[in-house]
Structures are given as C-alpha cells and as structure tokens.
C-alpha cells in the first residue's frame, strides 16, 4: 500500500483509537507467527511482514509503513487482540547507569555515514 494513495484512516477502518491504551512509541512488537492468516487486513499483513525479520519498536514499524505512530498503534492493538503480536514495554535503563559510550559513538558514526 502506498501512503500517498490511501489515507491512514482507511488502514484502520476509520478508527483513530486503539482497543487498548498500553502501547507507546517505544513498545517492542514481535510476531509469533510465520504464516500470515488470510483473514488479516492488508495493513495488518504489512505489519506482520515487517516483523517477520525480528522485533522492532512501534515507532520503527510506523517509519517502515510511512504512517503516523497513532495509526500504527491501532493496527498493532488489533493484531495483539487477534493473538498475532507479542508486545513488550521497553527495557528501562537502571537509575545511575550510563549507556555504553562506545556503542553510542558507533551509532552516531553510522547515522552520519547515511547522510
């Protein structure tokens, strides 16, 4: 599906609120299924295809789909209700613990290389 041709609210059947309000941008999504059931919406199929390679934060799934996070929340909550998604809150960094400085520097270099 092409975002320019189909408005986001069509992907969600006109709904703008998820069935559950526990998802946020950093919620990690993954799918336990290898085969996408035939009764899943085309938008749901796209989400599951993206997650077939591994778990991703909700915001990254939205970026892959070129859709607003709010609409992907609706799609993800529907898939979760159908048992097709496993959701996990992001792992918090313990208080006083700093992220690995070398890792952050490698990420910055990688991002700069993309420019």
PDB file of N, CA and C in Angstrom:
ATOM      1  N   UNK A   1       0.837  -1.186   0.000  1.00  0.00           N
ATOM      2  CA  UNK A   1       0.000   0.000   0.000  1.00  0.00           C
ATOM      3  C   UNK A   1       0.869   1.232   0.000  1.00  0.00           C
ATOM      4  N   UNK A   2       0.404   2.235  -0.683  1.00  0.00           N
ATOM      5  CA  UNK A   2       1.154   3.469  -0.784  1.00  0.00           C
ATOM      6  C   UNK A   2       0.438   4.539   0.027  1.00  0.00           C
ATOM      7  N   UNK A   3       1.147   5.125   0.965  1.00  0.00           N
ATOM      8  CA  UNK A   3       0.548   6.123   1.849  1.00  0.00           C
ATOM      9  C   UNK A   3      -0.035   7.295   1.061  1.00  0.00           C
ATOM     10  N   UNK A   4       0.591   7.661  -0.024  1.00  0.00           N
ATOM     11  CA  UNK A   4       0.106   8.817  -0.781  1.00  0.00           C
ATOM     12  C   UNK A   4      -1.244   8.543  -1.430  1.00  0.00           C
ATOM     13  N   UNK A   5      -1.518   7.285  -1.736  1.00  0.00           N
ATOM     14  CA  UNK A   5      -2.772   6.947  -2.392  1.00  0.00           C
ATOM     15  C   UNK A   5      -3.882   6.610  -1.413  1.00  0.00           C
ATOM     16  N   UNK A   6      -3.514   6.098  -0.238  1.00  0.00           N
ATOM     17  CA  UNK A   6      -4.515   5.671   0.736  1.00  0.00           C
ATOM     18  C   UNK A   6      -4.316   6.454   2.030  1.00  0.00           C
ATOM     19  N   UNK A   7      -5.309   7.224   2.455  1.00  0.00           N
ATOM     20  CA  UNK A   7      -5.173   7.968   3.712  1.00  0.00           C
ATOM     21  C   UNK A   7      -5.057   7.004   4.894  1.00  0.00           C
ATOM     22  N   UNK A   8      -4.302   7.385   5.936  1.00  0.00           N
ATOM     23  CA  UNK A   8      -4.081   6.481   7.071  1.00  0.00           C
ATOM     24  C   UNK A   8      -5.355   5.960   7.723  1.00  0.00           C
ATOM     25  N   UNK A   9      -6.406   6.781   7.811  1.00  0.00           N
ATOM     26  CA  UNK A   9      -7.609   6.317   8.497  1.00  0.00           C
ATOM     27  C   UNK A   9      -8.274   5.155   7.762  1.00  0.00           C
ATOM     28  N   UNK A  10      -7.994   4.989   6.481  1.00  0.00           N
ATOM     29  CA  UNK A  10      -8.535   3.852   5.738  1.00  0.00           C
ATOM     30  C   UNK A  10      -7.860   2.560   6.204  1.00  0.00           C
ATOM     31  N   UNK A  11      -6.569   2.641   6.531  1.00  0.00           N
ATOM     32  CA  UNK A  11      -5.829   1.472   7.007  1.00  0.00           C
ATOM     33  C   UNK A  11      -6.446   0.920   8.282  1.00  0.00           C
ATOM     34  N   UNK A  12      -7.062   1.784   9.098  1.00  0.00           N
ATOM     35  CA  UNK A  12      -7.601   1.370  10.396  1.00  0.00           C
ATOM     36  C   UNK A  12      -9.113   1.264  10.389  1.00  0.00           C
ATOM     37  N   UNK A  13      -9.717   1.286   9.225  1.00  0.00           N
ATOM     38  CA  UNK A  13     -11.180   1.199   9.159  1.00  0.00           C
ATOM     39  C   UNK A  13     -11.862   2.434   9.704  1.00  0.00           C
ATOM     40  N   UNK A  14     -11.184   3.554   9.675  1.00  0.00           N
ATOM     41  CA  UNK A  14     -11.759   4.803  10.154  1.00  0.00           C
ATOM     42  C   UNK A  14     -11.576   5.031  11.646  1.00  0.00           C
ATOM     43  N   UNK A  15     -11.011   4.068  12.348  1.00  0.00           N
ATOM     44  CA  UNK A  15     -10.810   4.225  13.795  1.00  0.00           C
ATOM     45  C   UNK A  15      -9.528   4.996  14.070  1.00  0.00           C
ATOM     46  N   UNK A  16      -9.560   5.788  15.127  1.00  0.00           N
ATOM     47  CA  UNK A  16      -8.381   6.569  15.492  1.00  0.00           C
ATOM     48  C   UNK A  16      -7.857   6.214  16.871  1.00  0.00           C
ATOM     49  N   UNK A  17      -8.564   5.329  17.587  1.00  0.00           N
ATOM     50  CA  UNK A  17      -8.128   4.938  18.933  1.00  0.00           C
ATOM     51  C   UNK A  17      -7.901   3.424  18.989  1.00  0.00           C
ATOM     52  N   UNK A  18      -6.782   3.014  19.599  1.00  0.00           N
ATOM     53  CA  UNK A  18      -6.534   1.572  19.739  1.00  0.00           C
ATOM     54  C   UNK A  18      -7.484   0.950  20.748  1.00  0.00           C
ATOM     55  N   UNK A  19      -7.660  -0.371  20.657  1.00  0.00           N
ATOM     56  CA  UNK A  19      -8.551  -1.060  21.584  1.00  0.00           C
ATOM     57  C   UNK A  19      -7.973  -1.097  23.000  1.00  0.00           C
ATOM     58  N   UNK A  20      -6.683  -0.895  23.120  1.00  0.00           N
ATOM     59  CA  UNK A  20      -6.032  -0.840  24.428  1.00  0.00           C
ATOM     60  C   UNK A  20      -5.036   0.317  24.393  1.00  0.00           C
ATOM     61  N   UNK A  21      -4.888   0.974  25.511  1.00  0.00           N
ATOM     62  CA  UNK A  21      -4.050   2.167  25.547  1.00  0.00           C
ATOM     63  C   UNK A  21      -2.734   1.905  26.281  1.00  0.00           C
ATOM     64  N   UNK A  22      -2.111   0.767  26.012  1.00  0.00           N
ATOM     65  CA  UNK A  22      -0.859   0.419  26.687  1.00  0.00           C
ATOM     66  C   UNK A  22       0.341   0.528  25.750  1.00  0.00           C
ATOM     67  N   UNK A  23       0.101   0.843  24.510  1.00  0.00           N
ATOM     68  CA  UNK A  23       1.182   0.924  23.532  1.00  0.00           C
ATOM     69  C   UNK A  23       1.709   2.347  23.447  1.00  0.00           C
ATOM     70  N   UNK A  24       3.028   2.463  23.357  1.00  0.00           N
ATOM     71  CA  UNK A  24       3.613   3.779  23.079  1.00  0.00           C
ATOM     72  C   UNK A  24       4.679   3.615  22.001  1.00  0.00           C
ATOM     73  N   UNK A  25       5.363   4.673  21.677  1.00  0.00           N
ATOM     74  CA  UNK A  25       6.328   4.680  20.581  1.00  0.00           C
ATOM     75  C   UNK A  25       7.445   3.650  20.756  1.00  0.00           C
ATOM     76  N   UNK A  26       7.824   3.391  21.995  1.00  0.00           N
ATOM     77  CA  UNK A  26       8.948   2.505  22.265  1.00  0.00           C
ATOM     78  C   UNK A  26       8.529   1.070  22.582  1.00  0.00           C
ATOM     79  N   UNK A  27       7.238   0.793  22.578  1.00  0.00           N
ATOM     80  CA  UNK A  27       6.767  -0.567  22.807  1.00  0.00           C
ATOM     81  C   UNK A  27       7.368  -1.475  21.742  1.00  0.00           C
ATOM     82  N   UNK A  28       7.949  -2.590  22.169  1.00  0.00           N
ATOM     83  CA  UNK A  28       8.583  -3.520  21.242  1.00  0.00           C
ATOM     84  C   UNK A  28       7.539  -4.520  20.752  1.00  0.00           C
ATOM     85  N   UNK A  29       7.456  -4.669  19.433  1.00  0.00           N
ATOM     86  CA  UNK A  29       6.495  -5.571  18.813  1.00  0.00           C
ATOM     87  C   UNK A  29       7.232  -6.733  18.167  1.00  0.00           C
ATOM     88  N   UNK A  30       6.649  -7.920  18.273  1.00  0.00           N
ATOM     89  CA  UNK A  30       7.160  -9.055  17.506  1.00  0.00           C
ATOM     90  C   UNK A  30       5.992  -9.983  17.227  1.00  0.00           C
ATOM     91  N   UNK A  31       6.149 -10.806  16.224  1.00  0.00           N
ATOM     92  CA  UNK A  31       5.081 -11.726  15.858  1.00  0.00           C
ATOM     93  C   UNK A  31       5.522 -13.159  16.115  1.00  0.00           C
ATOM     94  N   UNK A  32       4.636 -13.961  16.704  1.00  0.00           N
ATOM     95  CA  UNK A  32       4.967 -15.368  16.931  1.00  0.00           C
ATOM     96  C   UNK A  32       4.600 -16.256  15.735  1.00  0.00           C
ATOM     97  N   UNK A  33       3.981 -15.676  14.713  1.00  0.00           N
ATOM     98  CA  UNK A  33       3.503 -16.483  13.582  1.00  0.00           C
ATOM     99  C   UNK A  33       4.458 -16.368  12.399  1.00  0.00           C
ATOM    100  N   UNK A  34       4.606 -17.455  11.672  1.00  0.00           N
ATOM    101  CA  UNK A  34       5.410 -17.448  10.454  1.00  0.00           C
ATOM    102  C   UNK A  34       4.532 -17.195   9.229  1.00  0.00           C
ATOM    103  N   UNK A  35       3.345 -17.745   9.246  1.00  0.00           N
ATOM    104  CA  UNK A  35       2.401 -17.572   8.145  1.00  0.00           C
ATOM    105  C   UNK A  35       1.327 -16.577   8.554  1.00  0.00           C
ATOM    106  N   UNK A  36       1.060 -15.613   7.707  1.00  0.00           N
ATOM    107  CA  UNK A  36       0.038 -14.608   7.984  1.00  0.00           C
ATOM    108  C   UNK A  36      -1.322 -15.203   7.632  1.00  0.00           C
ATOM    109  N   UNK A  37      -2.255 -15.236   8.595  1.00  0.00           N
ATOM    110  CA  UNK A  37      -3.583 -15.752   8.295  1.00  0.00           C
ATOM    111  C   UNK A  37      -4.262 -14.950   7.186  1.00  0.00           C
ATOM    112  N   UNK A  38      -5.086 -15.618   6.399  1.00  0.00           N
ATOM    113  CA  UNK A  38      -5.740 -14.985   5.248  1.00  0.00           C
ATOM    114  C   UNK A  38      -6.742 -13.917   5.669  1.00  0.00           C
ATOM    115  N   UNK A  39      -7.292 -14.014   6.880  1.00  0.00           N
ATOM    116  CA  UNK A  39      -8.328 -13.069   7.292  1.00  0.00           C
ATOM    117  C   UNK A  39      -7.773 -11.772   7.884  1.00  0.00           C
ATOM    118  N   UNK A  40      -6.449 -11.600   7.880  1.00  0.00           N
ATOM    119  CA  UNK A  40      -5.828 -10.378   8.386  1.00  0.00           C
ATOM    120  C   UNK A  40      -5.924  -9.291   7.318  1.00  0.00           C
ATOM    121  N   UNK A  41      -6.208  -8.076   7.754  1.00  0.00           N
ATOM    122  CA  UNK A  41      -6.313  -6.951   6.819  1.00  0.00           C
ATOM    123  C   UNK A  41      -4.991  -6.743   6.091  1.00  0.00           C
ATOM    124  N   UNK A  42      -5.038  -6.114   4.915  1.00  0.00           N
ATOM    125  CA  UNK A  42      -3.778  -5.824   4.201  1.00  0.00           C
ATOM    126  C   UNK A  42      -2.795  -5.007   5.041  1.00  0.00           C
ATOM    127  N   UNK A  43      -3.306  -4.060   5.827  1.00  0.00           N
ATOM    128  CA  UNK A  43      -2.420  -3.267   6.679  1.00  0.00           C
ATOM    129  C   UNK A  43      -1.791  -4.145   7.756  1.00  0.00           C
ATOM    130  N   UNK A  44      -2.581  -5.032   8.346  1.00  0.00           N
ATOM    131  CA  UNK A  44      -2.058  -5.960   9.342  1.00  0.00           C
ATOM    132  C   UNK A  44      -1.030  -6.896   8.743  1.00  0.00           C
ATOM    133  N   UNK A  45      -1.269  -7.325   7.519  1.00  0.00           N
ATOM    134  CA  UNK A  45      -0.312  -8.181   6.823  1.00  0.00           C
ATOM    135  C   UNK A  45       1.028  -7.484   6.666  1.00  0.00           C
ATOM    136  N   UNK A  46       0.993  -6.195   6.324  1.00  0.00           N
ATOM    137  CA  UNK A  46       2.239  -5.429   6.162  1.00  0.00           C
ATOM    138  C   UNK A  46       3.005  -5.348   7.475  1.00  0.00           C
ATOM    139  N   UNK A  47       2.277  -5.111   8.582  1.00  0.00           N
ATOM    140  CA  UNK A  47       2.929  -5.051   9.890  1.00  0.00           C
ATOM    141  C   UNK A  47       3.601  -6.381  10.194  1.00  0.00           C
ATOM    142  N   UNK A  48       2.885  -7.473   9.979  1.00  0.00           N
ATOM    143  CA  UNK A  48       3.436  -8.794  10.273  1.00  0.00           C
ATOM    144  C   UNK A  48       4.623  -9.127   9.364  1.00  0.00           C
ATOM    145  N   UNK A  49       4.570  -8.686   8.114  1.00  0.00           N
ATOM    146  CA  UNK A  49       5.702  -8.911   7.204  1.00  0.00           C
ATOM    147  C   UNK A  49       6.948  -8.184   7.700  1.00  0.00           C
ATOM    148  N   UNK A  50       6.775  -6.965   8.160  1.00  0.00           N
ATOM    149  CA  UNK A  50       7.899  -6.180   8.671  1.00  0.00           C
ATOM    150  C   UNK A  50       8.505  -6.860   9.898  1.00  0.00           C
ATOM    151  N   UNK A  51       7.647  -7.421  10.747  1.00  0.00           N
ATOM    152  CA  UNK A  51       8.113  -8.035  11.989  1.00  0.00           C
ATOM    153  C   UNK A  51       8.601  -9.470  11.806  1.00  0.00           C
ATOM    154  N   UNK A  52       8.440 -10.015  10.629  1.00  0.00           N
ATOM    155  CA  UNK A  52       8.897 -11.380  10.379  1.00  0.00           C
ATOM    156  C   UNK A  52      10.418 -11.491  10.570  1.00  0.00           C
ATOM    157  N   UNK A  53      11.138 -10.421  10.302  1.00  0.00           N
ATOM    158  CA  UNK A  53      12.601 -10.417  10.445  1.00  0.00           C
ATOM    159  C   UNK A  53      13.048 -10.303  11.892  1.00  0.00           C
ATOM    160  N   UNK A  54      12.153  -9.864  12.784  1.00  0.00           N
ATOM    161  CA  UNK A  54      12.511  -9.715  14.193  1.00  0.00           C
ATOM    162  C   UNK A  54      11.733  -8.592  14.839  1.00  0.00           C
ATOM    163  N   UNK A  55      11.930  -8.453  16.125  1.00  0.00           N
ATOM    164  CA  UNK A  55      11.207  -7.459  16.908  1.00  0.00           C
ATOM    165  C   UNK A  55      11.670  -6.049  16.568  1.00  0.00           C
ATOM    166  N   UNK A  56      10.716  -5.111  16.615  1.00  0.00           N
ATOM    167  CA  UNK A  56      11.006  -3.697  16.371  1.00  0.00           C
ATOM    168  C   UNK A  56      10.131  -2.837  17.279  1.00  0.00           C
ATOM    169  N   UNK A  57      10.623  -1.653  17.633  1.00  0.00           N
ATOM    170  CA  UNK A  57       9.764  -0.712  18.354  1.00  0.00           C
ATOM    171  C   UNK A  57       8.632  -0.232  17.444  1.00  0.00           C
ATOM    172  N   UNK A  58       7.518   0.107  18.043  1.00  0.00           N
ATOM    173  CA  UNK A  58       6.355   0.560  17.296  1.00  0.00           C
ATOM    174  C   UNK A  58       6.699   1.732  16.376  1.00  0.00           C
ATOM    175  N   UNK A  59       7.523   2.652  16.851  1.00  0.00           N
ATOM    176  CA  UNK A  59       7.896   3.818  16.037  1.00  0.00           C
ATOM    177  C   UNK A  59       8.626   3.407  14.761  1.00  0.00           C
ATOM    178  N   UNK A  60       9.448   2.359  14.833  1.00  0.00           N
ATOM    179  CA  UNK A  60      10.156   1.904  13.638  1.00  0.00           C
ATOM    180  C   UNK A  60       9.208   1.244  12.648  1.00  0.00           C
ATOM    181  N   UNK A  61       8.237   0.505  13.160  1.00  0.00           N
ATOM    182  CA  UNK A  61       7.236  -0.093  12.280  1.00  0.00           C
ATOM    183  C   UNK A  61       6.487   1.023  11.557  1.00  0.00           C
ATOM    184  N   UNK A  62       6.136   2.076  12.278  1.00  0.00           N
ATOM    185  CA  UNK A  62       5.453   3.222  11.667  1.00  0.00           C
ATOM    186  C   UNK A  62       6.316   3.853  10.580  1.00  0.00           C
ATOM    187  N   UNK A  63       7.623   3.951  10.833  1.00  0.00           N
ATOM    188  CA  UNK A  63       8.523   4.523   9.833  1.00  0.00           C
ATOM    189  C   UNK A  63       8.587   3.644   8.586  1.00  0.00           C
ATOM    190  N   UNK A  64       8.640   2.327   8.765  1.00  0.00           N
ATOM    191  CA  UNK A  64       8.648   1.409   7.611  1.00  0.00           C
ATOM    192  C   UNK A  64       7.376   1.550   6.786  1.00  0.00           C
ATOM    193  N   UNK A  65       6.267   1.799   7.462  1.00  0.00           N
ATOM    194  CA  UNK A  65       4.987   1.932   6.761  1.00  0.00           C
ATOM    195  C   UNK A  65       4.720   3.349   6.267  1.00  0.00           C
ATOM    196  N   UNK A  66       5.548   4.295   6.677  1.00  0.00           N
ATOM    197  CA  UNK A  66       5.332   5.720   6.377  1.00  0.00           C
ATOM    198  C   UNK A  66       3.961   6.173   6.860  1.00  0.00           C
ATOM    199  N   UNK A  67       3.617   5.735   8.070  1.00  0.00           N
ATOM    200  CA  UNK A  67       2.342   6.100   8.696  1.00  0.00           C
ATOM    201  C   UNK A  67       2.603   6.756  10.046  1.00  0.00           C
ATOM    202  N   UNK A  68       1.670   7.588  10.497  1.00  0.00           N
ATOM    203  CA  UNK A  68       1.804   8.157  11.839  1.00  0.00           C
ATOM    204  C   UNK A  68       1.756   7.055  12.905  1.00  0.00           C
ATOM    205  N   UNK A  69       2.487   7.255  13.987  1.00  0.00           N
ATOM    206  CA  UNK A  69       2.526   6.286  15.082  1.00  0.00           C
ATOM    207  C   UNK A  69       1.123   6.011  15.612  1.00  0.00           C
ATOM    208  N   UNK A  70       0.284   7.034  15.677  1.00  0.00           N
ATOM    209  CA  UNK A  70      -1.069   6.846  16.222  1.00  0.00           C
ATOM    210  C   UNK A  70      -1.867   5.808  15.436  1.00  0.00           C
ATOM    211  N   UNK A  71      -1.688   5.755  14.136  1.00  0.00           N
ATOM    212  CA  UNK A  71      -2.409   4.777  13.327  1.00  0.00           C
ATOM    213  C   UNK A  71      -1.809   3.385  13.480  1.00  0.00           C
ATOM    214  N   UNK A  72      -0.499   3.306  13.625  1.00  0.00           N
ATOM    215  CA  UNK A  72       0.143   2.007  13.818  1.00  0.00           C
ATOM    216  C   UNK A  72      -0.233   1.436  15.185  1.00  0.00           C
ATOM    217  N   UNK A  73      -0.480   2.298  16.166  1.00  0.00           N
ATOM    218  CA  UNK A  73      -0.978   1.827  17.461  1.00  0.00           C
ATOM    219  C   UNK A  73      -2.304   1.094  17.292  1.00  0.00           C
ATOM    220  N   UNK A  74      -3.180   1.635  16.470  1.00  0.00           N
ATOM    221  CA  UNK A  74      -4.474   0.995  16.218  1.00  0.00           C
ATOM    222  C   UNK A  74      -4.263  -0.355  15.554  1.00  0.00           C
ATOM    223  N   UNK A  75      -3.415  -0.397  14.528  1.00  0.00           N
ATOM    224  CA  UNK A  75      -3.138  -1.659  13.837  1.00  0.00           C
ATOM    225  C   UNK A  75      -2.519  -2.683  14.789  1.00  0.00           C
ATOM    226  N   UNK A  76      -1.555  -2.249  15.581  1.00  0.00           N
ATOM    227  CA  UNK A  76      -0.868  -3.165  16.498  1.00  0.00           C
ATOM    228  C   UNK A  76      -1.820  -3.687  17.569  1.00  0.00           C
ATOM    229  N   UNK A  77      -2.691  -2.843  18.082  1.00  0.00           N
ATOM    230  CA  UNK A  77      -3.621  -3.317  19.112  1.00  0.00           C
ATOM    231  C   UNK A  77      -4.596  -4.333  18.527  1.00  0.00           C
ATOM    232  N   UNK A  78      -5.009  -4.136  17.283  1.00  0.00           N
ATOM    233  CA  UNK A  78      -5.879  -5.123  16.623  1.00  0.00           C
ATOM    234  C   UNK A  78      -5.171  -6.463  16.473  1.00  0.00           C
ATOM    235  N   UNK A  79      -3.912  -6.431  16.031  1.00  0.00           N
ATOM    236  CA  UNK A  79      -3.142  -7.665  15.854  1.00  0.00           C
ATOM    237  C   UNK A  79      -2.885  -8.351  17.196  1.00  0.00           C
ATOM    238  N   UNK A  80      -2.651  -7.555  18.229  1.00  0.00           N
ATOM    239  CA  UNK A  80      -2.455  -8.117  19.563  1.00  0.00           C
ATOM    240  C   UNK A  80      -3.736  -8.805  20.032  1.00  0.00           C
ATOM    241  N   UNK A  81      -4.884  -8.170  19.804  1.00  0.00           N
ATOM    242  CA  UNK A  81      -6.169  -8.758  20.187  1.00  0.00           C
ATOM    243  C   UNK A  81      -6.421 -10.079  19.465  1.00  0.00           C
ATOM    244  N   UNK A  82      -5.886 -10.217  18.255  1.00  0.00           N
ATOM    245  CA  UNK A  82      -6.057 -11.441  17.470  1.00  0.00           C
ATOM    246  C   UNK A  82      -5.008 -12.503  17.819  1.00  0.00           C
ATOM    247  N   UNK A  83      -4.081 -12.169  18.726  1.00  0.00           N
ATOM    248  CA  UNK A  83      -3.040 -13.119  19.109  1.00  0.00           C
ATOM    249  C   UNK A  83      -1.907 -13.214  18.106  1.00  0.00           C
ATOM    250  N   UNK A  84      -1.787 -12.213  17.236  1.00  0.00           N
ATOM    251  CA  UNK A  84      -0.772 -12.245  16.189  1.00  0.00           C
ATOM    252  C   UNK A  84       0.453 -11.398  16.519  1.00  0.00           C
ATOM    253  N   UNK A  85       0.406 -10.684  17.648  1.00  0.00           N
ATOM    254  CA  UNK A  85       1.538  -9.860  18.074  1.00  0.00           C
ATOM    255  C   UNK A  85       1.829 -10.111  19.541  1.00  0.00           C
ATOM    256  N   UNK A  86       3.092 -10.032  19.863  1.00  0.00           N
ATOM    257  CA  UNK A  86       3.526 -10.019  21.252  1.00  0.00           C
ATOM    258  C   UNK A  86       4.091  -8.626  21.485  1.00  0.00           C
ATOM    259  N   UNK A  87       3.643  -7.971  22.542  1.00  0.00           N
ATOM    260  CA  UNK A  87       4.116  -6.612  22.837  1.00  0.00           C
ATOM    261  C   UNK A  87       4.855  -6.628  24.174  1.00  0.00           C
ATOM    262  N   UNK A  88       5.880  -5.795  24.237  1.00  0.00           N
ATOM    263  CA  UNK A  88       6.690  -5.709  25.449  1.00  0.00           C
ATOM    264  C   UNK A  88       7.082  -4.256  25.660  1.00  0.00           C
ATOM    265  N   UNK A  89       6.974  -3.833  26.896  1.00  0.00           N
ATOM    266  CA  UNK A  89       7.407  -2.480  27.229  1.00  0.00           C
ATOM    267  C   UNK A  89       8.917  -2.394  27.042  1.00  0.00           C
ATOM    268  N   UNK A  90       9.432  -1.228  26.688  1.00  0.00           N
ATOM    269  CA  UNK A  90      10.881  -1.096  26.527  1.00  0.00           C
ATOM    270  C   UNK A  90      11.593  -1.353  27.854  1.00  0.00           C
ATOM    271  N   UNK A  91      12.792  -1.874  27.765  1.00  0.00           N
ATOM    272  CA  UNK A  91      13.580  -2.153  28.963  1.00  0.00           C
ATOM    273  C   UNK A  91      14.159  -0.846  29.482  1.00  0.00           C
ATOM    274  N   UNK A  92      13.802  -0.475  30.710  1.00  0.00           N
ATOM    275  CA  UNK A  92      14.330   0.796  31.239  1.00  0.00           C
ATOM    276  C   UNK A  92      15.800   0.668  31.616  1.00  0.00           C
ATOM    277  N   UNK A  93      16.515   1.758  31.498  1.00  0.00           N
ATOM    278  CA  UNK A  93      17.912   1.813  31.936  1.00  0.00           C
ATOM    279  C   UNK A  93      17.891   2.078  33.437  1.00  0.00           C
ATOM    280  N   UNK A  94      18.549   1.229  34.228  1.00  0.00           N
ATOM    281  CA  UNK A  94      18.563   1.440  35.682  1.00  0.00           C
ATOM    282  C   UNK A  94      19.107   2.822  36.038  1.00  0.00           C
ATOM    283  N   UNK A  95      18.555   3.394  37.095  1.00  0.00           N
ATOM    284  CA  UNK A  95      18.976   4.727  37.541  1.00  0.00           C
ATOM    285  C   UNK A  95      20.461   4.733  37.840  1.00  0.00           C
ATOM    286  N   UNK A  96      21.145   5.746  37.365  1.00  0.00           N
ATOM    287  CA  UNK A  96      22.571   5.893  37.610  1.00  0.00           C
ATOM    288  C   UNK A  96      23.453   5.133  36.635  1.00  0.00           C
ATOM    289  N   UNK A  97      22.861   4.292  35.810  1.00  0.00           N
ATOM    290  CA  UNK A  97      23.654   3.532  34.839  1.00  0.00           C
ATOM    291  C   UNK A  97      23.682   4.275  33.511  1.00  0.00           C
ATOM    292  N   UNK A  98      24.862   4.439  32.968  1.00  0.00           N
ATOM    293  CA  UNK A  98      25.036   5.158  31.717  1.00  0.00           C
ATOM    294  C   UNK A  98      25.056   4.178  30.548  1.00  0.00           C
ATOM    295  N   UNK A  99      24.509   4.570  29.388  1.00  0.00           N
ATOM    296  CA  UNK A  99      24.611   3.697  28.217  1.00  0.00           C
ATOM    297  C   UNK A  99      26.064   3.570  27.773  1.00  0.00           C
ATOM    298  N   UNK A 100      26.378   2.521  27.058  1.00  0.00           N
ATOM    299  CA  UNK A 100      27.731   2.260  26.569  1.00  0.00           C
ATOM    300  C   UNK A 100      28.158   3.369  25.619  1.00  0.00           C
ATOM    301  N   UNK A 101      29.168   4.118  26.009  1.00  0.00           N
ATOM    302  CA  UNK A 101      29.620   5.270  25.226  1.00  0.00           C
ATOM    303  C   UNK A 101      30.142   4.852  23.853  1.00  0.00           C
ATOM    304  N   UNK A 102      30.871   3.736  23.783  1.00  0.00           N
ATOM    305  CA  UNK A 102      31.406   3.272  22.501  1.00  0.00           C
ATOM    306  C   UNK A 102      30.282   2.892  21.547  1.00  0.00           C
ATOM    307  N   UNK A 103      29.258   2.259  22.068  1.00  0.00           N
ATOM    308  CA  UNK A 103      28.118   1.896  21.233  1.00  0.00           C
ATOM    309  C   UNK A 103      27.438   3.147  20.676  1.00  0.00           C
ATOM    310  N   UNK A 104      27.234   4.140  21.529  1.00  0.00           N
ATOM    311  CA  UNK A 104      26.604   5.379  21.072  1.00  0.00           C
ATOM    312  C   UNK A 104      27.455   6.062  20.005  1.00  0.00           C
ATOM    313  N   UNK A 105      28.762   6.049  20.165  1.00  0.00           N
ATOM    314  CA  UNK A 105      29.633   6.664  19.163  1.00  0.00           C
ATOM    315  C   UNK A 105      29.552   5.917  17.835  1.00  0.00           C
ATOM    316  N   UNK A 106      29.467   4.587  17.871  1.00  0.00           N
ATOM    317  CA  UNK A 106      29.333   3.809  16.635  1.00  0.00           C
ATOM    318  C   UNK A 106      27.994   4.111  15.956  1.00  0.00           C
ATOM    319  N   UNK A 107      26.954   4.266  16.745  1.00  0.00           N
ATOM    320  CA  UNK A 107      25.641   4.592  16.174  1.00  0.00           C
ATOM    321  C   UNK A 107      25.693   5.959  15.504  1.00  0.00           C
ATOM    322  N   UNK A 108      26.304   6.925  16.155  1.00  0.00           N
ATOM    323  CA  UNK A 108      26.414   8.273  15.583  1.00  0.00           C
ATOM    324  C   UNK A 108      27.202   8.235  14.274  1.00  0.00           C
ATOM    325  N   UNK A 109      28.318   7.508  14.258  1.00  0.00           N
ATOM    326  CA  UNK A 109      29.107   7.391  13.023  1.00  0.00           C
ATOM    327  C   UNK A 109      28.272   6.736  11.909  1.00  0.00           C
ATOM    328  N   UNK A 110      27.522   5.718  12.257  1.00  0.00           N
ATOM    329  CA  UNK A 110      26.677   5.046  11.264  1.00  0.00           C
ATOM    330  C   UNK A 110      25.608   5.965  10.718  1.00  0.00           C
ATOM    331  N   UNK A 111      25.000   6.761  11.585  1.00  0.00           N
ATOM    332  CA  UNK A 111      23.978   7.704  11.131  1.00  0.00           C
ATOM    333  C   UNK A 111      24.580   8.787  10.232  1.00  0.00           C
ATOM    334  N   UNK A 112      25.746   9.256  10.596  1.00  0.00           N
ATOM    335  CA  UNK A 112      26.411  10.271   9.770  1.00  0.00           C
ATOM    336  C   UNK A 112      26.778   9.705   8.400  1.00  0.00           C
ATOM    337  N   UNK A 113      27.140   8.425   8.357  1.00  0.00           N
ATOM    338  CA  UNK A 113      27.501   7.786   7.091  1.00  0.00           C
ATOM    339  C   UNK A 113      26.288   7.677   6.167  1.00  0.00           C
ATOM    340  N   UNK A 114      25.100   7.661   6.721  1.00  0.00           N
ATOM    341  CA  UNK A 114      23.878   7.577   5.922  1.00  0.00           C
ATOM    342  C   UNK A 114      23.572   8.888   5.204  1.00  0.00           C
ATOM    343  N   UNK A 115      24.109   9.993   5.706  1.00  0.00           N
ATOM    344  CA  UNK A 115      23.801  11.297   5.122  1.00  0.00           C
ATOM    345  C   UNK A 115      24.391  11.409   3.795  1.00  0.00           C
TER     346      UNK A 115
END
